[in-house]
Amino acid sequence: MKQNNIYICHTLYHVYITLIKNIKNPKTSDIVICNSIPNCKNLIAKLKKSKIFNAVYFYNEKDALKKFNELGWDYLRGDGDEV
């Protein structure tokens, strides 16, 4: 059984390359679209409609960066108190 891939795309170029990789074998991968891509909500709708991917996900980088800033870099390095 072939393992599915997950592609995380931060730019339109990432999406382009991922489409090229998956156009021959549709429904074998998932794609994550980050909000750094302009008009990402429209892109997500079009990718879902194309049915090239098993699933299309949205990732909000701003929320993740906010969480990292709240925790602090010491926590991320393991220097802070354990949670």
C-alpha atoms as a PDB file:
ATOM      1  CA  MET A   1       0.000   0.000   0.000  1.00  0.00           C
ATOM      2  CA  LYS A   2       1.365   3.396  -0.994  1.00  0.00           C
ATOM      3  CA  GLN A   3       1.644   5.994   1.741  1.00  0.00           C
ATOM      4  CA  ASN A   4      -0.052   9.333   1.129  1.00  0.00           C
ATOM      5  CA  ASN A   5       1.994  12.520   1.062  1.00  0.00           C
ATOM      6  CA  ILE A   6       1.165  15.812   2.718  1.00  0.00           C
ATOM      7  CA  TYR A   7       2.394  18.944   0.953  1.00  0.00           C
ATOM      8  CA  ILE A   8       2.569  22.220   2.874  1.00  0.00           C
ATOM      9  CA  CYS A   9       2.507  25.217   0.550  1.00  0.00           C
ATOM     10  CA  HIS A  10       3.573  28.704   1.623  1.00  0.00           C
ATOM     11  CA  THR A  11       3.770  30.200  -1.892  1.00  0.00           C
ATOM     12  CA  LEU A  12       2.013  29.871  -5.228  1.00  0.00           C
ATOM     13  CA  TYR A  13       5.191  28.288  -6.580  1.00  0.00           C
ATOM     14  CA  HIS A  14       4.870  25.517  -3.960  1.00  0.00           C
ATOM     15  CA  VAL A  15       1.275  24.936  -5.106  1.00  0.00           C
ATOM     16  CA  TYR A  16       2.387  24.841  -8.755  1.00  0.00           C
ATOM     17  CA  ILE A  17       5.078  22.218  -8.100  1.00  0.00           C
ATOM     18  CA  THR A  18       2.678  20.166  -5.960  1.00  0.00           C
ATOM     19  CA  LEU A  19       0.082  20.203  -8.731  1.00  0.00           C
ATOM     20  CA  ILE A  20       2.670  19.003 -11.247  1.00  0.00           C
ATOM     21  CA  LYS A  21       3.677  16.161  -8.915  1.00  0.00           C
ATOM     22  CA  ASN A  22       0.071  15.086  -8.348  1.00  0.00           C
ATOM     23  CA  ILE A  23      -1.658  15.627 -11.672  1.00  0.00           C
ATOM     24  CA  LYS A  24      -0.732  12.129 -12.901  1.00  0.00           C
ATOM     25  CA  ASN A  25      -1.773  10.393  -9.692  1.00  0.00           C
ATOM     26  CA  PRO A  26      -4.765  12.247  -8.298  1.00  0.00           C
ATOM     27  CA  LYS A  27      -6.157  11.465  -4.850  1.00  0.00           C
ATOM     28  CA  THR A  28      -2.829  10.207  -3.513  1.00  0.00           C
ATOM     29  CA  SER A  29      -1.864  13.284  -1.466  1.00  0.00           C
ATOM     30  CA  ASP A  30      -3.156  15.996   0.830  1.00  0.00           C
ATOM     31  CA  ILE A  31      -2.284  19.675   0.514  1.00  0.00           C
ATOM     32  CA  VAL A  32      -2.066  22.378   3.158  1.00  0.00           C
ATOM     33  CA  ILE A  33      -2.487  25.951   1.952  1.00  0.00           C
ATOM     34  CA  CYS A  34      -1.044  28.654   4.204  1.00  0.00           C
ATOM     35  CA  ASN A  35      -2.512  32.114   4.481  1.00  0.00           C
ATOM     36  CA  SER A  36       0.734  33.605   3.153  1.00  0.00           C
ATOM     37  CA  ILE A  37      -0.630  32.828  -0.333  1.00  0.00           C
ATOM     38  CA  PRO A  38      -2.643  35.705  -1.785  1.00  0.00           C
ATOM     39  CA  ASN A  39      -6.362  34.943  -2.196  1.00  0.00           C
ATOM     40  CA  CYS A  40      -5.835  31.562  -0.518  1.00  0.00           C
ATOM     41  CA  LYS A  41      -9.529  30.999   0.261  1.00  0.00           C
ATOM     42  CA  ASN A  42     -10.386  31.136  -3.455  1.00  0.00           C
ATOM     43  CA  LEU A  43      -7.453  28.829  -4.250  1.00  0.00           C
ATOM     44  CA  ILE A  44      -8.641  26.312  -1.650  1.00  0.00           C
ATOM     45  CA  ALA A  45     -12.119  26.240  -3.187  1.00  0.00           C
ATOM     46  CA  LYS A  46     -10.665  25.623  -6.644  1.00  0.00           C
ATOM     47  CA  LEU A  47      -8.345  22.869  -5.414  1.00  0.00           C
ATOM     48  CA  LYS A  48     -11.238  21.117  -3.669  1.00  0.00           C
ATOM     49  CA  LYS A  49     -13.308  21.340  -6.831  1.00  0.00           C
ATOM     50  CA  SER A  50     -10.454  19.885  -8.924  1.00  0.00           C
ATOM     51  CA  LYS A  51     -10.427  16.682  -6.819  1.00  0.00           C
ATOM     52  CA  ILE A  52      -6.690  16.248  -7.394  1.00  0.00           C
ATOM     53  CA  PHE A  53      -6.027  15.875  -3.659  1.00  0.00           C
ATOM     54  CA  ASN A  54      -7.558  13.668  -0.978  1.00  0.00           C
ATOM     55  CA  ALA A  55      -8.003  16.704   1.228  1.00  0.00           C
ATOM     56  CA  VAL A  56      -7.246  20.416   1.100  1.00  0.00           C
ATOM     57  CA  TYR A  57      -6.489  22.151   4.400  1.00  0.00           C
ATOM     58  CA  PHE A  58      -6.054  25.771   5.458  1.00  0.00           C
ATOM     59  CA  TYR A  59      -3.310  26.808   7.889  1.00  0.00           C
ATOM     60  CA  ASN A  60      -3.238  30.248   9.472  1.00  0.00           C
ATOM     61  CA  GLU A  61       0.429  31.088  10.014  1.00  0.00           C
ATOM     62  CA  LYS A  62      -0.414  34.262  11.918  1.00  0.00           C
ATOM     63  CA  ASP A  63      -2.154  32.281  14.666  1.00  0.00           C
ATOM     64  CA  ALA A  64       0.815  29.934  14.960  1.00  0.00           C
ATOM     65  CA  LEU A  65       3.294  32.816  15.176  1.00  0.00           C
ATOM     66  CA  LYS A  66       1.146  34.477  17.817  1.00  0.00           C
ATOM     67  CA  LYS A  67       1.200  31.269  19.881  1.00  0.00           C
ATOM     68  CA  PHE A  68       4.976  30.976  19.502  1.00  0.00           C
ATOM     69  CA  ASN A  69       5.376  34.571  20.679  1.00  0.00           C
ATOM     70  CA  GLU A  70       3.149  33.904  23.701  1.00  0.00           C
ATOM     71  CA  LEU A  71       5.220  30.874  24.697  1.00  0.00           C
ATOM     72  CA  GLY A  72       8.561  32.571  24.093  1.00  0.00           C
ATOM     73  CA  TRP A  73      11.675  31.270  22.420  1.00  0.00           C
ATOM     74  CA  ASP A  74      13.013  29.786  25.663  1.00  0.00           C
ATOM     75  CA  TYR A  75      10.039  27.419  25.702  1.00  0.00           C
ATOM     76  CA  LEU A  76      10.594  26.424  22.083  1.00  0.00           C
ATOM     77  CA  ARG A  77      14.272  25.662  22.760  1.00  0.00           C
ATOM     78  CA  GLY A  78      13.365  23.686  25.849  1.00  0.00           C
ATOM     79  CA  ASP A  79      15.019  26.159  28.235  1.00  0.00           C
ATOM     80  CA  GLY A  80      11.786  27.219  29.907  1.00  0.00           C
ATOM     81  CA  ASP A  81       9.478  25.520  32.335  1.00  0.00           C
ATOM     82  CA  GLU A  82       7.802  22.415  31.023  1.00  0.00           C
ATOM     83  CA  VAL A  83       4.079  22.631  30.502  1.00  0.00           C
END
